[in-house]
Amino acid sequence: MKALAMALLALSLPGSKVAAPPRPPVDLPVVQHARESGTWYMAESGHAVFCYGPVMLVKGPDGGLQHVATFCRGGQAIVPLKD
């Protein structure tokens, strides 16, 4: 009881300040930076494409092998390349 009375008395004295509660940390938005390492390739369509993944050989529509670039800008997973 005495401790409560002393605390109230100390708060009522002039010049005494109550410490503000600590502020919670601010959540900053996470910004994802685009990958910067990649290579430009000439697509089969005649356009240049920028791709991050490796060039691979896959089975083409005619049964032969075809070079493709992987993980390209524009959300394309596989882009056929001009040989």
PDB file of N, CA and C in Angstrom:
ATOM      1  N   MET A   1       0.815  -1.170   0.000  1.00  0.00           N
ATOM      2  CA  MET A   1       0.000   0.000   0.000  1.00  0.00           C
ATOM      3  C   MET A   1       0.874   1.256   0.000  1.00  0.00           C
ATOM      4  N   LYS A   2       1.942   1.213   0.843  1.00  0.00           N
ATOM      5  CA  LYS A   2       2.839   2.364   0.899  1.00  0.00           C
ATOM      6  C   LYS A   2       3.515   2.587  -0.459  1.00  0.00           C
ATOM      7  N   ALA A   3       3.861   1.493  -1.131  1.00  0.00           N
ATOM      8  CA  ALA A   3       4.522   1.615  -2.433  1.00  0.00           C
ATOM      9  C   ALA A   3       3.594   2.276  -3.445  1.00  0.00           C
ATOM     10  N   LEU A   4       2.319   1.944  -3.424  1.00  0.00           N
ATOM     11  CA  LEU A   4       1.348   2.540  -4.331  1.00  0.00           C
ATOM     12  C   LEU A   4       1.196   4.026  -4.036  1.00  0.00           C
ATOM     13  N   ALA A   5       1.129   4.387  -2.742  1.00  0.00           N
ATOM     14  CA  ALA A   5       0.996   5.790  -2.352  1.00  0.00           C
ATOM     15  C   ALA A   5       2.227   6.575  -2.784  1.00  0.00           C
ATOM     16  N   MET A   6       3.413   5.991  -2.621  1.00  0.00           N
ATOM     17  CA  MET A   6       4.652   6.675  -3.021  1.00  0.00           C
ATOM     18  C   MET A   6       4.697   6.874  -4.536  1.00  0.00           C
ATOM     19  N   ALA A   7       4.248   5.883  -5.277  1.00  0.00           N
ATOM     20  CA  ALA A   7       4.254   5.990  -6.737  1.00  0.00           C
ATOM     21  C   ALA A   7       3.303   7.077  -7.191  1.00  0.00           C
ATOM     22  N   LEU A   8       2.114   7.143  -6.597  1.00  0.00           N
ATOM     23  CA  LEU A   8       1.164   8.184  -6.969  1.00  0.00           C
ATOM     24  C   LEU A   8       1.680   9.562  -6.580  1.00  0.00           C
ATOM     25  N   LEU A   9       2.328   9.665  -5.444  1.00  0.00           N
ATOM     26  CA  LEU A   9       2.891  10.933  -5.006  1.00  0.00           C
ATOM     27  C   LEU A   9       4.011  11.381  -5.941  1.00  0.00           C
ATOM     28  N   ALA A  10       4.840  10.444  -6.364  1.00  0.00           N
ATOM     29  CA  ALA A  10       5.947  10.783  -7.264  1.00  0.00           C
ATOM     30  C   ALA A  10       5.425  11.244  -8.621  1.00  0.00           C
ATOM     31  N   LEU A  11       4.326  10.674  -9.075  1.00  0.00           N
ATOM     32  CA  LEU A  11       3.766  11.069 -10.366  1.00  0.00           C
ATOM     33  C   LEU A  11       3.092  12.432 -10.297  1.00  0.00           C
ATOM     34  N   SER A  12       2.607  12.807  -9.137  1.00  0.00           N
ATOM     35  CA  SER A  12       1.902  14.076  -9.016  1.00  0.00           C
ATOM     36  C   SER A  12       2.843  15.249  -8.788  1.00  0.00           C
ATOM     37  N   LEU A  13       4.116  15.017  -8.508  1.00  0.00           N
ATOM     38  CA  LEU A  13       5.063  16.098  -8.285  1.00  0.00           C
ATOM     39  C   LEU A  13       5.354  16.816  -9.593  1.00  0.00           C
ATOM     40  N   PRO A  14       5.517  18.136  -9.543  1.00  0.00           N
ATOM     41  CA  PRO A  14       5.842  18.861 -10.776  1.00  0.00           C
ATOM     42  C   PRO A  14       7.232  18.464 -11.285  1.00  0.00           C
ATOM     43  N   GLY A  15       7.359  18.384 -12.578  1.00  0.00           N
ATOM     44  CA  GLY A  15       8.628  18.018 -13.197  1.00  0.00           C
ATOM     45  C   GLY A  15       8.796  16.525 -13.389  1.00  0.00           C
ATOM     46  N   SER A  16       7.911  15.718 -12.839  1.00  0.00           N
ATOM     47  CA  SER A  16       8.033  14.269 -13.049  1.00  0.00           C
ATOM     48  C   SER A  16       7.324  13.904 -14.344  1.00  0.00           C
ATOM     49  N   LYS A  17       7.940  13.061 -15.109  1.00  0.00           N
ATOM     50  CA  LYS A  17       7.385  12.658 -16.407  1.00  0.00           C
ATOM     51  C   LYS A  17       7.231  11.147 -16.425  1.00  0.00           C
ATOM     52  N   VAL A  18       6.204  10.728 -17.101  1.00  0.00           N
ATOM     53  CA  VAL A  18       5.962   9.300 -17.264  1.00  0.00           C
ATOM     54  C   VAL A  18       6.609   8.884 -18.579  1.00  0.00           C
ATOM     55  N   ALA A  19       7.399   7.864 -18.518  1.00  0.00           N
ATOM     56  CA  ALA A  19       8.061   7.380 -19.738  1.00  0.00           C
ATOM     57  C   ALA A  19       7.017   6.775 -20.664  1.00  0.00           C
ATOM     58  N   ALA A  20       7.081   7.150 -21.922  1.00  0.00           N
ATOM     59  CA  ALA A  20       6.157   6.602 -22.920  1.00  0.00           C
ATOM     60  C   ALA A  20       6.525   5.143 -23.187  1.00  0.00           C
ATOM     61  N   PRO A  21       5.523   4.315 -23.420  1.00  0.00           N
ATOM     62  CA  PRO A  21       5.836   2.911 -23.719  1.00  0.00           C
ATOM     63  C   PRO A  21       6.590   2.821 -25.048  1.00  0.00           C
ATOM     64  N   PRO A  22       7.469   1.838 -25.177  1.00  0.00           N
ATOM     65  CA  PRO A  22       8.236   1.719 -26.426  1.00  0.00           C
ATOM     66  C   PRO A  22       7.317   1.442 -27.607  1.00  0.00           C
ATOM     67  N   ARG A  23       7.652   2.059 -28.736  1.00  0.00           N
ATOM     68  CA  ARG A  23       6.842   1.889 -29.940  1.00  0.00           C
ATOM     69  C   ARG A  23       7.230   0.599 -30.643  1.00  0.00           C
ATOM     70  N   PRO A  24       6.240  -0.082 -31.179  1.00  0.00           N
ATOM     71  CA  PRO A  24       6.566  -1.316 -31.906  1.00  0.00           C
ATOM     72  C   PRO A  24       7.324  -0.985 -33.194  1.00  0.00           C
ATOM     73  N   PRO A  25       8.160  -1.894 -33.668  1.00  0.00           N
ATOM     74  CA  PRO A  25       8.901  -1.620 -34.907  1.00  0.00           C
ATOM     75  C   PRO A  25       7.946  -1.505 -36.093  1.00  0.00           C
ATOM     76  N   VAL A  26       8.313  -0.645 -37.012  1.00  0.00           N
ATOM     77  CA  VAL A  26       7.500  -0.420 -38.195  1.00  0.00           C
ATOM     78  C   VAL A  26       7.852  -1.473 -39.236  1.00  0.00           C
ATOM     79  N   ASP A  27       6.844  -2.117 -39.779  1.00  0.00           N
ATOM     80  CA  ASP A  27       7.071  -3.110 -40.839  1.00  0.00           C
ATOM     81  C   ASP A  27       7.188  -2.384 -42.171  1.00  0.00           C
ATOM     82  N   LEU A  28       8.369  -2.406 -42.743  1.00  0.00           N
ATOM     83  CA  LEU A  28       8.593  -1.797 -44.047  1.00  0.00           C
ATOM     84  C   LEU A  28       8.259  -2.806 -45.129  1.00  0.00           C
ATOM     85  N   PRO A  29       7.712  -2.331 -46.245  1.00  0.00           N
ATOM     86  CA  PRO A  29       7.406  -3.283 -47.318  1.00  0.00           C
ATOM     87  C   PRO A  29       8.693  -3.881 -47.888  1.00  0.00           C
ATOM     88  N   VAL A  30       8.628  -5.138 -48.222  1.00  0.00           N
ATOM     89  CA  VAL A  30       9.776  -5.836 -48.787  1.00  0.00           C
ATOM     90  C   VAL A  30       9.767  -5.616 -50.294  1.00  0.00           C
ATOM     91  N   VAL A  31      10.859  -5.100 -50.802  1.00  0.00           N
ATOM     92  CA  VAL A  31      10.976  -4.847 -52.237  1.00  0.00           C
ATOM     93  C   VAL A  31      11.895  -5.901 -52.824  1.00  0.00           C
ATOM     94  N   GLN A  32      11.386  -6.608 -53.802  1.00  0.00           N
ATOM     95  CA  GLN A  32      12.222  -7.597 -54.462  1.00  0.00           C
ATOM     96  C   GLN A  32      12.868  -6.950 -55.680  1.00  0.00           C
ATOM     97  N   HIS A  33      14.174  -7.045 -55.722  1.00  0.00           N
ATOM     98  CA  HIS A  33      14.910  -6.480 -56.838  1.00  0.00           C
ATOM     99  C   HIS A  33      15.012  -7.525 -57.940  1.00  0.00           C
ATOM    100  N   ALA A  34      14.908  -7.038 -59.154  1.00  0.00           N
ATOM    101  CA  ALA A  34      15.026  -7.941 -60.291  1.00  0.00           C
ATOM    102  C   ALA A  34      16.436  -8.498 -60.373  1.00  0.00           C
ATOM    103  N   ARG A  35      16.535  -9.699 -60.840  1.00  0.00           N
ATOM    104  CA  ARG A  35      17.864 -10.276 -61.036  1.00  0.00           C
ATOM    105  C   ARG A  35      18.603  -9.464 -62.081  1.00  0.00           C
ATOM    106  N   GLU A  36      19.857  -9.269 -61.867  1.00  0.00           N
ATOM    107  CA  GLU A  36      20.628  -8.471 -62.796  1.00  0.00           C
ATOM    108  C   GLU A  36      21.520  -9.326 -63.679  1.00  0.00           C
ATOM    109  N   SER A  37      21.760 -10.569 -63.300  1.00  0.00           N
ATOM    110  CA  SER A  37      22.632 -11.410 -64.115  1.00  0.00           C
ATOM    111  C   SER A  37      21.764 -12.223 -65.075  1.00  0.00           C
ATOM    112  N   GLY A  38      22.090 -12.149 -66.304  1.00  0.00           N
ATOM    113  CA  GLY A  38      21.349 -12.858 -67.336  1.00  0.00           C
ATOM    114  C   GLY A  38      22.007 -12.601 -68.675  1.00  0.00           C
ATOM    115  N   THR A  39      21.391 -13.108 -69.727  1.00  0.00           N
ATOM    116  CA  THR A  39      21.964 -12.977 -71.069  1.00  0.00           C
ATOM    117  C   THR A  39      20.857 -12.701 -72.069  1.00  0.00           C
ATOM    118  N   TRP A  40      21.191 -11.929 -73.092  1.00  0.00           N
ATOM    119  CA  TRP A  40      20.264 -11.678 -74.188  1.00  0.00           C
ATOM    120  C   TRP A  40      20.419 -12.790 -75.219  1.00  0.00           C
ATOM    121  N   TYR A  41      19.292 -13.280 -75.738  1.00  0.00           N
ATOM    122  CA  TYR A  41      19.278 -14.313 -76.770  1.00  0.00           C
ATOM    123  C   TYR A  41      18.350 -13.873 -77.893  1.00  0.00           C
ATOM    124  N   MET A  42      18.566 -14.462 -79.083  1.00  0.00           N
ATOM    125  CA  MET A  42      17.680 -14.212 -80.212  1.00  0.00           C
ATOM    126  C   MET A  42      16.658 -15.339 -80.258  1.00  0.00           C
ATOM    127  N   ALA A  43      15.404 -14.988 -80.067  1.00  0.00           N
ATOM    128  CA  ALA A  43      14.339 -15.984 -80.062  1.00  0.00           C
ATOM    129  C   ALA A  43      14.033 -16.431 -81.492  1.00  0.00           C
ATOM    130  N   GLU A  44      13.406 -17.576 -81.596  1.00  0.00           N
ATOM    131  CA  GLU A  44      13.028 -18.113 -82.899  1.00  0.00           C
ATOM    132  C   GLU A  44      12.074 -17.165 -83.629  1.00  0.00           C
ATOM    133  N   SER A  45      11.318 -16.381 -82.865  1.00  0.00           N
ATOM    134  CA  SER A  45      10.371 -15.424 -83.450  1.00  0.00           C
ATOM    135  C   SER A  45      11.072 -14.196 -84.025  1.00  0.00           C
ATOM    136  N   GLY A  46      12.381 -14.044 -83.777  1.00  0.00           N
ATOM    137  CA  GLY A  46      13.122 -12.899 -84.292  1.00  0.00           C
ATOM    138  C   GLY A  46      13.288 -11.783 -83.281  1.00  0.00           C
ATOM    139  N   HIS A  47      12.746 -11.941 -82.094  1.00  0.00           N
ATOM    140  CA  HIS A  47      12.859 -10.936 -81.043  1.00  0.00           C
ATOM    141  C   HIS A  47      13.991 -11.296 -80.079  1.00  0.00           C
ATOM    142  N   ALA A  48      14.592 -10.258 -79.493  1.00  0.00           N
ATOM    143  CA  ALA A  48      15.601 -10.479 -78.468  1.00  0.00           C
ATOM    144  C   ALA A  48      14.892 -10.719 -77.139  1.00  0.00           C
ATOM    145  N   VAL A  49      15.389 -11.682 -76.372  1.00  0.00           N
ATOM    146  CA  VAL A  49      14.818 -11.985 -75.055  1.00  0.00           C
ATOM    147  C   VAL A  49      15.946 -12.001 -74.031  1.00  0.00           C
ATOM    148  N   PHE A  50      15.624 -11.584 -72.808  1.00  0.00           N
ATOM    149  CA  PHE A  50      16.595 -11.577 -71.717  1.00  0.00           C
ATOM    150  C   PHE A  50      16.214 -12.709 -70.784  1.00  0.00           C
ATOM    151  N   CYS A  51      17.133 -13.670 -70.604  1.00  0.00           N
ATOM    152  CA  CYS A  51      16.844 -14.861 -69.805  1.00  0.00           C
ATOM    153  C   CYS A  51      17.878 -15.032 -68.700  1.00  0.00           C
ATOM    154  N   TYR A  52      17.412 -15.612 -67.581  1.00  0.00           N
ATOM    155  CA  TYR A  52      18.253 -15.803 -66.408  1.00  0.00           C
ATOM    156  C   TYR A  52      18.771 -17.230 -66.290  1.00  0.00           C
ATOM    157  N   GLY A  53      18.052 -18.180 -66.835  1.00  0.00           N
ATOM    158  CA  GLY A  53      18.398 -19.585 -66.663  1.00  0.00           C
ATOM    159  C   GLY A  53      19.329 -20.090 -67.755  1.00  0.00           C
ATOM    160  N   PRO A  54      19.645 -21.369 -67.686  1.00  0.00           N
ATOM    161  CA  PRO A  54      20.555 -21.959 -68.669  1.00  0.00           C
ATOM    162  C   PRO A  54      19.860 -22.230 -70.000  1.00  0.00           C
ATOM    163  N   VAL A  55      20.680 -22.389 -71.042  1.00  0.00           N
ATOM    164  CA  VAL A  55      20.184 -22.828 -72.347  1.00  0.00           C
ATOM    165  C   VAL A  55      20.180 -24.348 -72.332  1.00  0.00           C
ATOM    166  N   MET A  56      19.093 -24.923 -72.814  1.00  0.00           N
ATOM    167  CA  MET A  56      18.944 -26.381 -72.775  1.00  0.00           C
ATOM    168  C   MET A  56      18.539 -26.907 -74.142  1.00  0.00           C
ATOM    169  N   LEU A  57      18.753 -28.187 -74.339  1.00  0.00           N
ATOM    170  CA  LEU A  57      18.254 -28.889 -75.518  1.00  0.00           C
ATOM    171  C   LEU A  57      17.024 -29.681 -75.099  1.00  0.00           C
ATOM    172  N   VAL A  58      15.921 -29.454 -75.803  1.00  0.00           N
ATOM    173  CA  VAL A  58      14.691 -30.196 -75.528  1.00  0.00           C
ATOM    174  C   VAL A  58      14.185 -30.807 -76.823  1.00  0.00           C
ATOM    175  N   LYS A  59      13.331 -31.778 -76.686  1.00  0.00           N
ATOM    176  CA  LYS A  59      12.748 -32.422 -77.855  1.00  0.00           C
ATOM    177  C   LYS A  59      11.756 -31.463 -78.502  1.00  0.00           C
ATOM    178  N   GLY A  60      11.956 -31.176 -79.776  1.00  0.00           N
ATOM    179  CA  GLY A  60      11.105 -30.245 -80.499  1.00  0.00           C
ATOM    180  C   GLY A  60       9.833 -30.899 -80.993  1.00  0.00           C
ATOM    181  N   PRO A  61       8.931 -30.101 -81.589  1.00  0.00           N
ATOM    182  CA  PRO A  61       7.655 -30.631 -82.079  1.00  0.00           C
ATOM    183  C   PRO A  61       7.819 -31.615 -83.248  1.00  0.00           C
ATOM    184  N   ASP A  62       8.928 -31.482 -84.000  1.00  0.00           N
ATOM    185  CA  ASP A  62       9.153 -32.382 -85.133  1.00  0.00           C
ATOM    186  C   ASP A  62       9.944 -33.630 -84.741  1.00  0.00           C
ATOM    187  N   GLY A  63      10.266 -33.759 -83.456  1.00  0.00           N
ATOM    188  CA  GLY A  63      11.001 -34.930 -82.976  1.00  0.00           C
ATOM    189  C   GLY A  63      12.490 -34.686 -82.828  1.00  0.00           C
ATOM    190  N   GLY A  64      12.994 -33.594 -83.373  1.00  0.00           N
ATOM    191  CA  GLY A  64      14.415 -33.274 -83.251  1.00  0.00           C
ATOM    192  C   GLY A  64      14.700 -32.515 -81.963  1.00  0.00           C
ATOM    193  N   LEU A  65      15.970 -32.133 -81.801  1.00  0.00           N
ATOM    194  CA  LEU A  65      16.362 -31.363 -80.623  1.00  0.00           C
ATOM    195  C   LEU A  65      16.318 -29.877 -80.938  1.00  0.00           C
ATOM    196  N   GLN A  66      15.942 -29.092 -79.956  1.00  0.00           N
ATOM    197  CA  GLN A  66      15.800 -27.654 -80.138  1.00  0.00           C
ATOM    198  C   GLN A  66      16.425 -26.934 -78.947  1.00  0.00           C
ATOM    199  N   HIS A  67      17.186 -25.856 -79.222  1.00  0.00           N
ATOM    200  CA  HIS A  67      17.754 -25.037 -78.153  1.00  0.00           C
ATOM    201  C   HIS A  67      16.652 -24.140 -77.586  1.00  0.00           C
ATOM    202  N   VAL A  68      16.580 -24.077 -76.259  1.00  0.00           N
ATOM    203  CA  VAL A  68      15.636 -23.178 -75.603  1.00  0.00           C
ATOM    204  C   VAL A  68      16.347 -22.456 -74.463  1.00  0.00           C
ATOM    205  N   ALA A  69      15.957 -21.219 -74.231  1.00  0.00           N
ATOM    206  CA  ALA A  69      16.430 -20.466 -73.073  1.00  0.00           C
ATOM    207  C   ALA A  69      15.368 -20.582 -71.994  1.00  0.00           C
ATOM    208  N   THR A  70      15.803 -20.597 -70.730  1.00  0.00           N
ATOM    209  CA  THR A  70      14.854 -20.799 -69.643  1.00  0.00           C
ATOM    210  C   THR A  70      14.801 -19.583 -68.724  1.00  0.00           C
ATOM    211  N   PHE A  71      13.671 -19.399 -68.079  1.00  0.00           N
ATOM    212  CA  PHE A  71      13.408 -18.345 -67.099  1.00  0.00           C
ATOM    213  C   PHE A  71      13.688 -16.964 -67.685  1.00  0.00           C
ATOM    214  N   CYS A  72      12.842 -16.561 -68.624  1.00  0.00           N
ATOM    215  CA  CYS A  72      13.022 -15.297 -69.326  1.00  0.00           C
ATOM    216  C   CYS A  72      12.070 -14.233 -68.791  1.00  0.00           C
ATOM    217  N   ARG A  73      12.422 -12.974 -69.087  1.00  0.00           N
ATOM    218  CA  ARG A  73      11.561 -11.847 -68.705  1.00  0.00           C
ATOM    219  C   ARG A  73      10.200 -12.009 -69.365  1.00  0.00           C
ATOM    220  N   GLY A  74       9.206 -11.467 -68.715  1.00  0.00           N
ATOM    221  CA  GLY A  74       7.855 -11.553 -69.251  1.00  0.00           C
ATOM    222  C   GLY A  74       7.135 -12.796 -68.784  1.00  0.00           C
ATOM    223  N   GLY A  75       7.717 -13.512 -67.830  1.00  0.00           N
ATOM    224  CA  GLY A  75       7.056 -14.681 -67.279  1.00  0.00           C
ATOM    225  C   GLY A  75       7.131 -15.914 -68.163  1.00  0.00           C
ATOM    226  N   GLN A  76       7.996 -15.894 -69.162  1.00  0.00           N
ATOM    227  CA  GLN A  76       8.137 -17.053 -70.040  1.00  0.00           C
ATOM    228  C   GLN A  76       9.137 -18.034 -69.438  1.00  0.00           C
ATOM    229  N   ALA A  77       8.707 -19.267 -69.271  1.00  0.00           N
ATOM    230  CA  ALA A  77       9.592 -20.293 -68.695  1.00  0.00           C
ATOM    231  C   ALA A  77      10.569 -20.818 -69.727  1.00  0.00           C
ATOM    232  N   ILE A  78      10.089 -21.016 -70.961  1.00  0.00           N
ATOM    233  CA  ILE A  78      10.938 -21.575 -72.027  1.00  0.00           C
ATOM    234  C   ILE A  78      10.690 -20.776 -73.304  1.00  0.00           C
ATOM    235  N   VAL A  79      11.784 -20.352 -73.954  1.00  0.00           N
ATOM    236  CA  VAL A  79      11.701 -19.623 -75.225  1.00  0.00           C
ATOM    237  C   VAL A  79      12.568 -20.341 -76.238  1.00  0.00           C
ATOM    238  N   PRO A  80      11.973 -20.805 -77.356  1.00  0.00           N
ATOM    239  CA  PRO A  80      12.776 -21.425 -78.410  1.00  0.00           C
ATOM    240  C   PRO A  80      13.747 -20.403 -79.012  1.00  0.00           C
ATOM    241  N   LEU A  81      15.008 -20.833 -79.234  1.00  0.00           N
ATOM    242  CA  LEU A  81      16.035 -19.940 -79.749  1.00  0.00           C
ATOM    243  C   LEU A  81      16.305 -20.199 -81.224  1.00  0.00           C
ATOM    244  N   LYS A  82      16.721 -19.120 -81.891  1.00  0.00           N
ATOM    245  CA  LYS A  82      17.127 -19.225 -83.295  1.00  0.00           C
ATOM    246  C   LYS A  82      18.534 -19.793 -83.340  1.00  0.00           C
ATOM    247  N   ASP A  83      18.759 -20.828 -84.128  1.00  0.00           N
ATOM    248  CA  ASP A  83      20.086 -21.438 -84.217  1.00  0.00           C
ATOM    249  C   ASP A  83      20.953 -20.771 -85.225  1.00  0.00           C
TER     250      ASP A  83
END
